[in-house]
Amino acid sequence: MHKAVVTLDDKYVQGSNKFFGDFCKDDTCIKPTLMEIPVNATTPQLSTFQVFNALSSNRRTATGPDGIPFWVWREHADILTPRVEAVWNLSLSMQQWPHSWKETNVNPLPKVNFPGL
């Protein structure tokens, strides 16, 4: 059985991003305006139960840029909940998420037809 090897150079990747960016846009979309939040507004807070529930019900997903597999969050939710709760609630009160939580891994998988299959 032959193994197909596909190499994507930077020019190809950038071209693909531009193609799909141009192809998948909605000309009727209106950019939302930022909402002004009063200084004295009450900041919502997540409860320990809400954070534990979110972590313990984490579904099977690919590992992100942090390299932590999904099951670590789920199986160790009881240990991780207090720390994650503190970060989430601090983020809500500051109206800003940690930059590293906005990153993702994108791995394009080309569809390749193998001869004879």
PDB file of N, CA and C in Angstrom:
ATOM      1  N   MET A   1       0.847  -1.178   0.000  1.00  0.00           N
ATOM      2  CA  MET A   1       0.000   0.000   0.000  1.00  0.00           C
ATOM      3  C   MET A   1       0.887   1.234   0.000  1.00  0.00           C
ATOM      4  N   HIS A   2       0.565   2.185  -0.854  1.00  0.00           N
ATOM      5  CA  HIS A   2       1.343   3.416  -0.970  1.00  0.00           C
ATOM      6  C   HIS A   2       0.823   4.450   0.010  1.00  0.00           C
ATOM      7  N   LYS A   3       1.736   5.154   0.565  1.00  0.00           N
ATOM      8  CA  LYS A   3       1.364   6.208   1.509  1.00  0.00           C
ATOM      9  C   LYS A   3       1.525   7.550   0.800  1.00  0.00           C
ATOM     10  N   ALA A   4       0.473   8.342   0.785  1.00  0.00           N
ATOM     11  CA  ALA A   4       0.533   9.657   0.144  1.00  0.00           C
ATOM     12  C   ALA A   4       1.131  10.665   1.107  1.00  0.00           C
ATOM     13  N   VAL A   5       2.037  11.468   0.600  1.00  0.00           N
ATOM     14  CA  VAL A   5       2.638  12.528   1.398  1.00  0.00           C
ATOM     15  C   VAL A   5       2.277  13.854   0.734  1.00  0.00           C
ATOM     16  N   VAL A   6       1.647  14.718   1.509  1.00  0.00           N
ATOM     17  CA  VAL A   6       1.241  16.020   0.997  1.00  0.00           C
ATOM     18  C   VAL A   6       1.978  17.086   1.787  1.00  0.00           C
ATOM     19  N   THR A   7       2.679  17.958   1.087  1.00  0.00           N
ATOM     20  CA  THR A   7       3.389  19.046   1.742  1.00  0.00           C
ATOM     21  C   THR A   7       2.732  20.352   1.345  1.00  0.00           C
ATOM     22  N   LEU A   8       2.375  21.140   2.336  1.00  0.00           N
ATOM     23  CA  LEU A   8       1.738  22.427   2.082  1.00  0.00           C
ATOM     24  C   LEU A   8       2.734  23.533   2.399  1.00  0.00           C
ATOM     25  N   ASP A   9       3.175  24.226   1.368  1.00  0.00           N
ATOM     26  CA  ASP A   9       4.090  25.341   1.617  1.00  0.00           C
ATOM     27  C   ASP A   9       3.286  26.582   2.017  1.00  0.00           C
ATOM     28  N   ASP A  10       3.990  27.583   2.516  1.00  0.00           N
ATOM     29  CA  ASP A  10       3.340  28.789   3.036  1.00  0.00           C
ATOM     30  C   ASP A  10       2.519  29.491   1.953  1.00  0.00           C
ATOM     31  N   LYS A  11       3.020  29.524   0.732  1.00  0.00           N
ATOM     32  CA  LYS A  11       2.300  30.190  -0.370  1.00  0.00           C
ATOM     33  C   LYS A  11       0.958  29.490  -0.622  1.00  0.00           C
ATOM     34  N   TYR A  12       0.962  28.169  -0.603  1.00  0.00           N
ATOM     35  CA  TYR A  12      -0.278  27.419  -0.819  1.00  0.00           C
ATOM     36  C   TYR A  12      -1.275  27.664   0.315  1.00  0.00           C
ATOM     37  N   VAL A  13      -0.777  27.633   1.543  1.00  0.00           N
ATOM     38  CA  VAL A  13      -1.648  27.837   2.701  1.00  0.00           C
ATOM     39  C   VAL A  13      -2.266  29.226   2.654  1.00  0.00           C
ATOM     40  N   GLN A  14      -1.453  30.257   2.379  1.00  0.00           N
ATOM     41  CA  GLN A  14      -1.970  31.624   2.303  1.00  0.00           C
ATOM     42  C   GLN A  14      -2.983  31.757   1.163  1.00  0.00           C
ATOM     43  N   GLY A  15      -2.703  31.121   0.040  1.00  0.00           N
ATOM     44  CA  GLY A  15      -3.638  31.146  -1.091  1.00  0.00           C
ATOM     45  C   GLY A  15      -4.962  30.480  -0.739  1.00  0.00           C
ATOM     46  N   SER A  16      -4.887  29.354  -0.033  1.00  0.00           N
ATOM     47  CA  SER A  16      -6.104  28.662   0.400  1.00  0.00           C
ATOM     48  C   SER A  16      -6.903  29.516   1.370  1.00  0.00           C
ATOM     49  N   ASN A  17      -6.210  30.152   2.311  1.00  0.00           N
ATOM     50  CA  ASN A  17      -6.899  31.022   3.266  1.00  0.00           C
ATOM     51  C   ASN A  17      -7.611  32.160   2.548  1.00  0.00           C
ATOM     52  N   LYS A  18      -6.930  32.766   1.565  1.00  0.00           N
ATOM     53  CA  LYS A  18      -7.545  33.867   0.814  1.00  0.00           C
ATOM     54  C   LYS A  18      -8.748  33.367   0.026  1.00  0.00           C
ATOM     55  N   PHE A  19      -8.603  32.219  -0.651  1.00  0.00           N
ATOM     56  CA  PHE A  19      -9.691  31.667  -1.450  1.00  0.00           C
ATOM     57  C   PHE A  19     -10.924  31.432  -0.584  1.00  0.00           C
ATOM     58  N   PHE A  20     -10.752  30.716   0.539  1.00  0.00           N
ATOM     59  CA  PHE A  20     -11.904  30.416   1.381  1.00  0.00           C
ATOM     60  C   PHE A  20     -12.404  31.654   2.112  1.00  0.00           C
ATOM     61  N   GLY A  21     -11.517  32.581   2.415  1.00  0.00           N
ATOM     62  CA  GLY A  21     -11.945  33.840   3.022  1.00  0.00           C
ATOM     63  C   GLY A  21     -12.824  34.636   2.082  1.00  0.00           C
ATOM     64  N   ASP A  22     -12.439  34.675   0.794  1.00  0.00           N
ATOM     65  CA  ASP A  22     -13.244  35.382  -0.207  1.00  0.00           C
ATOM     66  C   ASP A  22     -14.535  34.630  -0.519  1.00  0.00           C
ATOM     67  N   PHE A  23     -14.445  33.317  -0.534  1.00  0.00           N
ATOM     68  CA  PHE A  23     -15.579  32.474  -0.893  1.00  0.00           C
ATOM     69  C   PHE A  23     -16.631  32.431   0.213  1.00  0.00           C
ATOM     70  N   CYS A  24     -16.189  32.433   1.448  1.00  0.00           N
ATOM     71  CA  CYS A  24     -17.095  32.241   2.585  1.00  0.00           C
ATOM     72  C   CYS A  24     -17.364  33.546   3.313  1.00  0.00           C
ATOM     73  N   LYS A  25     -17.790  34.543   2.612  1.00  0.00           N
ATOM     74  CA  LYS A  25     -18.114  35.790   3.289  1.00  0.00           C
ATOM     75  C   LYS A  25     -19.556  36.169   2.983  1.00  0.00           C
ATOM     76  N   ASP A  26     -20.118  36.929   3.858  1.00  0.00           N
ATOM     77  CA  ASP A  26     -21.505  37.352   3.729  1.00  0.00           C
ATOM     78  C   ASP A  26     -21.511  38.872   3.571  1.00  0.00           C
ATOM     79  N   ASP A  27     -21.814  39.346   2.366  1.00  0.00           N
ATOM     80  CA  ASP A  27     -21.808  40.784   2.101  1.00  0.00           C
ATOM     81  C   ASP A  27     -22.907  41.524   2.867  1.00  0.00           C
ATOM     82  N   THR A  28     -23.919  40.782   3.348  1.00  0.00           N
ATOM     83  CA  THR A  28     -25.000  41.428   4.089  1.00  0.00           C
ATOM     84  C   THR A  28     -24.703  41.521   5.586  1.00  0.00           C
ATOM     85  N   CYS A  29     -23.581  40.954   5.988  1.00  0.00           N
ATOM     86  CA  CYS A  29     -23.219  40.962   7.410  1.00  0.00           C
ATOM     87  C   CYS A  29     -22.843  42.376   7.851  1.00  0.00           C
ATOM     88  N   ILE A  30     -23.378  42.784   8.976  1.00  0.00           N
ATOM     89  CA  ILE A  30     -23.072  44.105   9.541  1.00  0.00           C
ATOM     90  C   ILE A  30     -22.256  43.894  10.807  1.00  0.00           C
ATOM     91  N   LYS A  31     -21.097  44.510  10.860  1.00  0.00           N
ATOM     92  CA  LYS A  31     -20.227  44.367  12.017  1.00  0.00           C
ATOM     93  C   LYS A  31     -20.928  44.938  13.246  1.00  0.00           C
ATOM     94  N   PRO A  32     -20.980  44.146  14.336  1.00  0.00           N
ATOM     95  CA  PRO A  32     -21.659  44.646  15.531  1.00  0.00           C
ATOM     96  C   PRO A  32     -20.876  45.787  16.175  1.00  0.00           C
ATOM     97  N   THR A  33     -21.604  46.694  16.784  1.00  0.00           N
ATOM     98  CA  THR A  33     -20.947  47.792  17.492  1.00  0.00           C
ATOM     99  C   THR A  33     -20.639  47.336  18.913  1.00  0.00           C
ATOM    100  N   LEU A  34     -19.543  47.824  19.452  1.00  0.00           N
ATOM    101  CA  LEU A  34     -19.173  47.460  20.804  1.00  0.00           C
ATOM    102  C   LEU A  34     -20.159  48.063  21.785  1.00  0.00           C
ATOM    103  N   MET A  35     -20.474  47.292  22.791  1.00  0.00           N
ATOM    104  CA  MET A  35     -21.418  47.741  23.798  1.00  0.00           C
ATOM    105  C   MET A  35     -20.667  48.486  24.900  1.00  0.00           C
ATOM    106  N   GLU A  36     -21.196  49.609  25.277  1.00  0.00           N
ATOM    107  CA  GLU A  36     -20.612  50.367  26.390  1.00  0.00           C
ATOM    108  C   GLU A  36     -21.137  49.779  27.700  1.00  0.00           C
ATOM    109  N   ILE A  37     -20.229  49.361  28.555  1.00  0.00           N
ATOM    110  CA  ILE A  37     -20.619  48.802  29.847  1.00  0.00           C
ATOM    111  C   ILE A  37     -20.326  49.844  30.916  1.00  0.00           C
ATOM    112  N   PRO A  38     -21.346  50.253  31.668  1.00  0.00           N
ATOM    113  CA  PRO A  38     -21.133  51.260  32.705  1.00  0.00           C
ATOM    114  C   PRO A  38     -20.119  50.791  33.749  1.00  0.00           C
ATOM    115  N   VAL A  39     -19.375  51.717  34.307  1.00  0.00           N
ATOM    116  CA  VAL A  39     -18.350  51.403  35.295  1.00  0.00           C
ATOM    117  C   VAL A  39     -18.946  50.710  36.513  1.00  0.00           C
ATOM    118  N   ASN A  40     -20.133  51.114  36.920  1.00  0.00           N
ATOM    119  CA  ASN A  40     -20.749  50.547  38.122  1.00  0.00           C
ATOM    120  C   ASN A  40     -21.602  49.306  37.841  1.00  0.00           C
ATOM    121  N   ALA A  41     -21.487  48.738  36.639  1.00  0.00           N
ATOM    122  CA  ALA A  41     -22.272  47.546  36.285  1.00  0.00           C
ATOM    123  C   ALA A  41     -21.813  46.342  37.104  1.00  0.00           C
ATOM    124  N   THR A  42     -22.754  45.488  37.464  1.00  0.00           N
ATOM    125  CA  THR A  42     -22.443  44.275  38.203  1.00  0.00           C
ATOM    126  C   THR A  42     -21.880  43.237  37.236  1.00  0.00           C
ATOM    127  N   THR A  43     -20.730  42.701  37.587  1.00  0.00           N
ATOM    128  CA  THR A  43     -20.090  41.700  36.740  1.00  0.00           C
ATOM    129  C   THR A  43     -20.673  40.330  37.042  1.00  0.00           C
ATOM    130  N   PRO A  44     -21.093  39.600  36.011  1.00  0.00           N
ATOM    131  CA  PRO A  44     -21.593  38.245  36.273  1.00  0.00           C
ATOM    132  C   PRO A  44     -20.452  37.358  36.771  1.00  0.00           C
ATOM    133  N   GLN A  45     -20.771  36.431  37.624  1.00  0.00           N
ATOM    134  CA  GLN A  45     -19.781  35.499  38.158  1.00  0.00           C
ATOM    135  C   GLN A  45     -20.262  34.071  37.922  1.00  0.00           C
ATOM    136  N   LEU A  46     -19.349  33.204  37.570  1.00  0.00           N
ATOM    137  CA  LEU A  46     -19.669  31.795  37.406  1.00  0.00           C
ATOM    138  C   LEU A  46     -19.535  31.101  38.752  1.00  0.00           C
ATOM    139  N   SER A  47     -20.435  30.191  39.020  1.00  0.00           N
ATOM    140  CA  SER A  47     -20.370  29.447  40.282  1.00  0.00           C
ATOM    141  C   SER A  47     -19.398  28.277  40.135  1.00  0.00           C
ATOM    142  N   THR A  48     -18.984  27.752  41.255  1.00  0.00           N
ATOM    143  CA  THR A  48     -18.105  26.579  41.257  1.00  0.00           C
ATOM    144  C   THR A  48     -18.781  25.429  40.529  1.00  0.00           C
ATOM    145  N   PHE A  49     -20.078  25.244  40.759  1.00  0.00           N
ATOM    146  CA  PHE A  49     -20.816  24.172  40.090  1.00  0.00           C
ATOM    147  C   PHE A  49     -20.809  24.348  38.577  1.00  0.00           C
ATOM    148  N   GLN A  50     -21.018  25.578  38.093  1.00  0.00           N
ATOM    149  CA  GLN A  50     -21.032  25.821  36.651  1.00  0.00           C
ATOM    150  C   GLN A  50     -19.682  25.479  36.021  1.00  0.00           C
ATOM    151  N   VAL A  51     -18.600  25.876  36.671  1.00  0.00           N
ATOM    152  CA  VAL A  51     -17.264  25.596  36.134  1.00  0.00           C
ATOM    153  C   VAL A  51     -16.986  24.097  36.183  1.00  0.00           C
ATOM    154  N   PHE A  52     -17.298  23.451  37.317  1.00  0.00           N
ATOM    155  CA  PHE A  52     -17.099  22.005  37.429  1.00  0.00           C
ATOM    156  C   PHE A  52     -17.898  21.271  36.361  1.00  0.00           C
ATOM    157  N   ASN A  53     -19.132  21.676  36.155  1.00  0.00           N
ATOM    158  CA  ASN A  53     -19.990  21.046  35.147  1.00  0.00           C
ATOM    159  C   ASN A  53     -19.394  21.220  33.747  1.00  0.00           C
ATOM    160  N   ALA A  54     -18.889  22.400  33.444  1.00  0.00           N
ATOM    161  CA  ALA A  54     -18.286  22.650  32.129  1.00  0.00           C
ATOM    162  C   ALA A  54     -17.047  21.778  31.921  1.00  0.00           C
ATOM    163  N   LEU A  55     -16.203  21.671  32.933  1.00  0.00           N
ATOM    164  CA  LEU A  55     -14.978  20.876  32.805  1.00  0.00           C
ATOM    165  C   LEU A  55     -15.275  19.381  32.771  1.00  0.00           C
ATOM    166  N   SER A  56     -16.153  18.920  33.637  1.00  0.00           N
ATOM    167  CA  SER A  56     -16.421  17.484  33.732  1.00  0.00           C
ATOM    168  C   SER A  56     -17.239  16.953  32.564  1.00  0.00           C
ATOM    169  N   SER A  57     -17.884  17.807  31.814  1.00  0.00           N
ATOM    170  CA  SER A  57     -18.656  17.356  30.651  1.00  0.00           C
ATOM    171  C   SER A  57     -17.931  17.672  29.346  1.00  0.00           C
ATOM    172  N   ASN A  58     -16.641  17.955  29.438  1.00  0.00           N
ATOM    173  CA  ASN A  58     -15.837  18.247  28.254  1.00  0.00           C
ATOM    174  C   ASN A  58     -15.866  17.050  27.305  1.00  0.00           C
ATOM    175  N   ARG A  59     -16.198  17.290  26.046  1.00  0.00           N
ATOM    176  CA  ARG A  59     -16.309  16.215  25.063  1.00  0.00           C
ATOM    177  C   ARG A  59     -14.964  15.978  24.380  1.00  0.00           C
ATOM    178  N   ARG A  60     -14.880  14.838  23.745  1.00  0.00           N
ATOM    179  CA  ARG A  60     -13.664  14.454  23.024  1.00  0.00           C
ATOM    180  C   ARG A  60     -13.382  15.469  21.917  1.00  0.00           C
ATOM    181  N   THR A  61     -12.253  16.130  22.026  1.00  0.00           N
ATOM    182  CA  THR A  61     -11.824  17.099  21.012  1.00  0.00           C
ATOM    183  C   THR A  61     -10.334  16.916  20.767  1.00  0.00           C
ATOM    184  N   ALA A  62      -9.856  17.519  19.714  1.00  0.00           N
ATOM    185  CA  ALA A  62      -8.422  17.482  19.429  1.00  0.00           C
ATOM    186  C   ALA A  62      -7.684  18.341  20.456  1.00  0.00           C
ATOM    187  N   THR A  63      -6.442  17.997  20.691  1.00  0.00           N
ATOM    188  CA  THR A  63      -5.613  18.766  21.615  1.00  0.00           C
ATOM    189  C   THR A  63      -5.338  20.141  21.016  1.00  0.00           C
ATOM    190  N   GLY A  64      -5.472  21.179  21.834  1.00  0.00           N
ATOM    191  CA  GLY A  64      -5.243  22.548  21.379  1.00  0.00           C
ATOM    192  C   GLY A  64      -3.784  22.945  21.489  1.00  0.00           C
ATOM    193  N   PRO A  65      -3.498  24.238  21.328  1.00  0.00           N
ATOM    194  CA  PRO A  65      -2.117  24.729  21.380  1.00  0.00           C
ATOM    195  C   PRO A  65      -1.440  24.473  22.729  1.00  0.00           C
ATOM    196  N   ASP A  66      -2.227  24.309  23.796  1.00  0.00           N
ATOM    197  CA  ASP A  66      -1.636  24.076  25.113  1.00  0.00           C
ATOM    198  C   ASP A  66      -1.132  22.645  25.277  1.00  0.00           C
ATOM    199  N   GLY A  67      -1.521  21.747  24.369  1.00  0.00           N
ATOM    200  CA  GLY A  67      -1.070  20.362  24.427  1.00  0.00           C
ATOM    201  C   GLY A  67      -1.780  19.526  25.480  1.00  0.00           C
ATOM    202  N   ILE A  68      -2.822  20.066  26.115  1.00  0.00           N
ATOM    203  CA  ILE A  68      -3.545  19.336  27.161  1.00  0.00           C
ATOM    204  C   ILE A  68      -4.707  18.580  26.519  1.00  0.00           C
ATOM    205  N   PRO A  69      -4.726  17.249  26.628  1.00  0.00           N
ATOM    206  CA  PRO A  69      -5.828  16.490  26.039  1.00  0.00           C
ATOM    207  C   PRO A  69      -7.147  16.751  26.768  1.00  0.00           C
ATOM    208  N   PHE A  70      -8.249  16.562  26.069  1.00  0.00           N
ATOM    209  CA  PHE A  70      -9.586  16.845  26.612  1.00  0.00           C
ATOM    210  C   PHE A  70      -9.852  16.081  27.901  1.00  0.00           C
ATOM    211  N   TRP A  71      -9.371  14.851  27.978  1.00  0.00           N
ATOM    212  CA  TRP A  71      -9.688  14.005  29.127  1.00  0.00           C
ATOM    213  C   TRP A  71      -9.052  14.510  30.417  1.00  0.00           C
ATOM    214  N   VAL A  72      -7.963  15.251  30.338  1.00  0.00           N
ATOM    215  CA  VAL A  72      -7.334  15.790  31.552  1.00  0.00           C
ATOM    216  C   VAL A  72      -8.293  16.756  32.235  1.00  0.00           C
ATOM    217  N   TRP A  73      -8.923  17.639  31.443  1.00  0.00           N
ATOM    218  CA  TRP A  73      -9.886  18.591  32.007  1.00  0.00           C
ATOM    219  C   TRP A  73     -11.059  17.855  32.629  1.00  0.00           C
ATOM    220  N   ARG A  74     -11.556  16.834  31.926  1.00  0.00           N
ATOM    221  CA  ARG A  74     -12.738  16.111  32.381  1.00  0.00           C
ATOM    222  C   ARG A  74     -12.447  15.265  33.624  1.00  0.00           C
ATOM    223  N   GLU A  75     -11.368  14.490  33.571  1.00  0.00           N
ATOM    224  CA  GLU A  75     -11.090  13.565  34.663  1.00  0.00           C
ATOM    225  C   GLU A  75     -10.525  14.248  35.914  1.00  0.00           C
ATOM    226  N   HIS A  76      -9.997  15.452  35.772  1.00  0.00           N
ATOM    227  CA  HIS A  76      -9.428  16.158  36.923  1.00  0.00           C
ATOM    228  C   HIS A  76     -10.178  17.458  37.213  1.00  0.00           C
ATOM    229  N   ALA A  77     -11.454  17.475  36.835  1.00  0.00           N
ATOM    230  CA  ALA A  77     -12.276  18.671  37.038  1.00  0.00           C
ATOM    231  C   ALA A  77     -12.330  19.087  38.501  1.00  0.00           C
ATOM    232  N   ASP A  78     -12.361  18.114  39.410  1.00  0.00           N
ATOM    233  CA  ASP A  78     -12.441  18.450  40.836  1.00  0.00           C
ATOM    234  C   ASP A  78     -11.211  19.219  41.312  1.00  0.00           C
ATOM    235  N   ILE A  79     -10.046  18.911  40.759  1.00  0.00           N
ATOM    236  CA  ILE A  79      -8.812  19.592  41.146  1.00  0.00           C
ATOM    237  C   ILE A  79      -8.672  20.941  40.420  1.00  0.00           C
ATOM    238  N   LEU A  80      -9.067  20.976  39.144  1.00  0.00           N
ATOM    239  CA  LEU A  80      -8.854  22.162  38.306  1.00  0.00           C
ATOM    240  C   LEU A  80      -9.923  23.243  38.480  1.00  0.00           C
ATOM    241  N   THR A  81     -11.100  22.866  38.961  1.00  0.00           N
ATOM    242  CA  THR A  81     -12.218  23.806  39.055  1.00  0.00           C
ATOM    243  C   THR A  81     -11.885  25.108  39.784  1.00  0.00           C
ATOM    244  N   PRO A  82     -11.288  25.082  40.975  1.00  0.00           N
ATOM    245  CA  PRO A  82     -11.040  26.362  41.667  1.00  0.00           C
ATOM    246  C   PRO A  82     -10.147  27.321  40.883  1.00  0.00           C
ATOM    247  N   ARG A  83      -9.115  26.790  40.232  1.00  0.00           N
ATOM    248  CA  ARG A  83      -8.204  27.654  39.464  1.00  0.00           C
ATOM    249  C   ARG A  83      -8.874  28.200  38.205  1.00  0.00           C
ATOM    250  N   VAL A  84      -9.569  27.328  37.483  1.00  0.00           N
ATOM    251  CA  VAL A  84     -10.256  27.767  36.261  1.00  0.00           C
ATOM    252  C   VAL A  84     -11.355  28.759  36.612  1.00  0.00           C
ATOM    253  N   GLU A  85     -12.074  28.505  37.694  1.00  0.00           N
ATOM    254  CA  GLU A  85     -13.129  29.429  38.147  1.00  0.00           C
ATOM    255  C   GLU A  85     -12.539  30.814  38.421  1.00  0.00           C
ATOM    256  N   ALA A  86     -11.393  30.859  39.081  1.00  0.00           N
ATOM    257  CA  ALA A  86     -10.751  32.145  39.390  1.00  0.00           C
ATOM    258  C   ALA A  86     -10.371  32.887  38.109  1.00  0.00           C
ATOM    259  N   VAL A  87      -9.795  32.171  37.148  1.00  0.00           N
ATOM    260  CA  VAL A  87      -9.390  32.814  35.877  1.00  0.00           C
ATOM    261  C   VAL A  87     -10.611  33.265  35.100  1.00  0.00           C
ATOM    262  N   TRP A  88     -11.645  32.410  34.999  1.00  0.00           N
ATOM    263  CA  TRP A  88     -12.847  32.784  34.259  1.00  0.00           C
ATOM    264  C   TRP A  88     -13.526  33.998  34.887  1.00  0.00           C
ATOM    265  N   ASN A  89     -13.684  34.001  36.191  1.00  0.00           N
ATOM    266  CA  ASN A  89     -14.355  35.130  36.849  1.00  0.00           C
ATOM    267  C   ASN A  89     -13.519  36.403  36.777  1.00  0.00           C
ATOM    268  N   LEU A  90     -12.207  36.282  36.876  1.00  0.00           N
ATOM    269  CA  LEU A  90     -11.341  37.457  36.703  1.00  0.00           C
ATOM    270  C   LEU A  90     -11.459  37.985  35.278  1.00  0.00           C
ATOM    271  N   SER A  91     -11.492  37.082  34.310  1.00  0.00           N
ATOM    272  CA  SER A  91     -11.643  37.488  32.911  1.00  0.00           C
ATOM    273  C   SER A  91     -12.964  38.210  32.679  1.00  0.00           C
ATOM    274  N   LEU A  92     -14.037  37.698  33.285  1.00  0.00           N
ATOM    275  CA  LEU A  92     -15.332  38.362  33.155  1.00  0.00           C
ATOM    276  C   LEU A  92     -15.298  39.761  33.776  1.00  0.00           C
ATOM    277  N   SER A  93     -14.684  39.876  34.943  1.00  0.00           N
ATOM    278  CA  SER A  93     -14.654  41.185  35.608  1.00  0.00           C
ATOM    279  C   SER A  93     -13.774  42.186  34.874  1.00  0.00           C
ATOM    280  N   MET A  94     -12.722  41.687  34.200  1.00  0.00           N
ATOM    281  CA  MET A  94     -11.838  42.582  33.431  1.00  0.00           C
ATOM    282  C   MET A  94     -12.307  42.747  31.987  1.00  0.00           C
ATOM    283  N   GLN A  95     -13.316  41.959  31.590  1.00  0.00           N
ATOM    284  CA  GLN A  95     -13.853  41.973  30.230  1.00  0.00           C
ATOM    285  C   GLN A  95     -12.772  41.642  29.200  1.00  0.00           C
ATOM    286  N   GLN A  96     -11.925  40.687  29.541  1.00  0.00           N
ATOM    287  CA  GLN A  96     -10.838  40.299  28.647  1.00  0.00           C
ATOM    288  C   GLN A  96     -10.409  38.865  28.959  1.00  0.00           C
ATOM    289  N   TRP A  97     -10.297  38.024  27.917  1.00  0.00           N
ATOM    290  CA  TRP A  97      -9.827  36.649  28.078  1.00  0.00           C
ATOM    291  C   TRP A  97      -8.325  36.609  27.879  1.00  0.00           C
ATOM    292  N   PRO A  98      -7.643  35.649  28.502  1.00  0.00           N
ATOM    293  CA  PRO A  98      -6.207  35.496  28.251  1.00  0.00           C
ATOM    294  C   PRO A  98      -5.952  35.269  26.757  1.00  0.00           C
ATOM    295  N   HIS A  99      -4.941  35.914  26.236  1.00  0.00           N
ATOM    296  CA  HIS A  99      -4.651  35.825  24.802  1.00  0.00           C
ATOM    297  C   HIS A  99      -4.444  34.371  24.363  1.00  0.00           C
ATOM    298  N   SER A 100      -3.766  33.592  25.193  1.00  0.00           N
ATOM    299  CA  SER A 100      -3.471  32.205  24.814  1.00  0.00           C
ATOM    300  C   SER A 100      -4.741  31.365  24.676  1.00  0.00           C
ATOM    301  N   TRP A 101      -5.863  31.792  25.281  1.00  0.00           N
ATOM    302  CA  TRP A 101      -7.105  31.057  25.159  1.00  0.00           C
ATOM    303  C   TRP A 101      -7.834  31.375  23.862  1.00  0.00           C
ATOM    304  N   LYS A 102      -7.318  32.306  23.101  1.00  0.00           N
ATOM    305  CA  LYS A 102      -7.928  32.674  21.822  1.00  0.00           C
ATOM    306  C   LYS A 102      -7.218  31.997  20.659  1.00  0.00           C
ATOM    307  N   GLU A 103      -6.196  31.195  20.945  1.00  0.00           N
ATOM    308  CA  GLU A 103      -5.440  30.518  19.907  1.00  0.00           C
ATOM    309  C   GLU A 103      -6.053  29.161  19.610  1.00  0.00           C
ATOM    310  N   THR A 104      -5.773  28.660  18.427  1.00  0.00           N
ATOM    311  CA  THR A 104      -6.276  27.354  18.030  1.00  0.00           C
ATOM    312  C   THR A 104      -5.297  26.704  17.076  1.00  0.00           C
ATOM    313  N   ASN A 105      -5.420  25.420  16.911  1.00  0.00           N
ATOM    314  CA  ASN A 105      -4.656  24.696  15.905  1.00  0.00           C
ATOM    315  C   ASN A 105      -5.583  24.416  14.735  1.00  0.00           C
ATOM    316  N   VAL A 106      -5.129  24.727  13.536  1.00  0.00           N
ATOM    317  CA  VAL A 106      -5.894  24.406  12.333  1.00  0.00           C
ATOM    318  C   VAL A 106      -5.012  23.513  11.482  1.00  0.00           C
ATOM    319  N   ASN A 107      -5.457  22.290  11.271  1.00  0.00           N
ATOM    320  CA  ASN A 107      -4.703  21.331  10.474  1.00  0.00           C
ATOM    321  C   ASN A 107      -5.546  20.910   9.282  1.00  0.00           C
ATOM    322  N   PRO A 108      -5.284  21.506   8.104  1.00  0.00           N
ATOM    323  CA  PRO A 108      -6.075  21.119   6.933  1.00  0.00           C
ATOM    324  C   PRO A 108      -5.762  19.678   6.537  1.00  0.00           C
ATOM    325  N   LEU A 109      -6.805  18.949   6.251  1.00  0.00           N
ATOM    326  CA  LEU A 109      -6.645  17.567   5.806  1.00  0.00           C
ATOM    327  C   LEU A 109      -7.102  17.468   4.356  1.00  0.00           C
ATOM    328  N   PRO A 110      -6.138  17.372   3.436  1.00  0.00           N
ATOM    329  CA  PRO A 110      -6.530  17.304   2.025  1.00  0.00           C
ATOM    330  C   PRO A 110      -7.199  15.963   1.711  1.00  0.00           C
ATOM    331  N   LYS A 111      -8.175  16.011   0.852  1.00  0.00           N
ATOM    332  CA  LYS A 111      -8.834  14.788   0.414  1.00  0.00           C
ATOM    333  C   LYS A 111      -8.025  14.249  -0.751  1.00  0.00           C
ATOM    334  N   VAL A 112      -7.468  13.068  -0.581  1.00  0.00           N
ATOM    335  CA  VAL A 112      -6.621  12.468  -1.591  1.00  0.00           C
ATOM    336  C   VAL A 112      -7.226  11.131  -1.971  1.00  0.00           C
ATOM    337  N   ASN A 113      -7.448  10.917  -3.254  1.00  0.00           N
ATOM    338  CA  ASN A 113      -7.921   9.633  -3.734  1.00  0.00           C
ATOM    339  C   ASN A 113      -6.724   8.734  -4.001  1.00  0.00           C
ATOM    340  N   PHE A 114      -6.697   7.581  -3.376  1.00  0.00           N
ATOM    341  CA  PHE A 114      -5.619   6.642  -3.579  1.00  0.00           C
ATOM    342  C   PHE A 114      -5.956   5.759  -4.780  1.00  0.00           C
ATOM    343  N   PRO A 115      -5.028   5.628  -5.707  1.00  0.00           N
ATOM    344  CA  PRO A 115      -5.288   4.771  -6.874  1.00  0.00           C
ATOM    345  C   PRO A 115      -5.561   3.332  -6.439  1.00  0.00           C
ATOM    346  N   GLY A 116      -6.564   2.723  -7.005  1.00  0.00           N
ATOM    347  CA  GLY A 116      -6.868   1.321  -6.742  1.00  0.00           C
ATOM    348  C   GLY A 116      -7.681   1.081  -5.482  1.00  0.00           C
ATOM    349  N   LEU A 117      -8.117   2.150  -4.813  1.00  0.00           N
ATOM    350  CA  LEU A 117      -8.921   1.920  -3.599  1.00  0.00           C
ATOM    351  C   LEU A 117     -10.366   2.214  -3.860  1.00  0.00           C
TER     352      LEU A 117
END
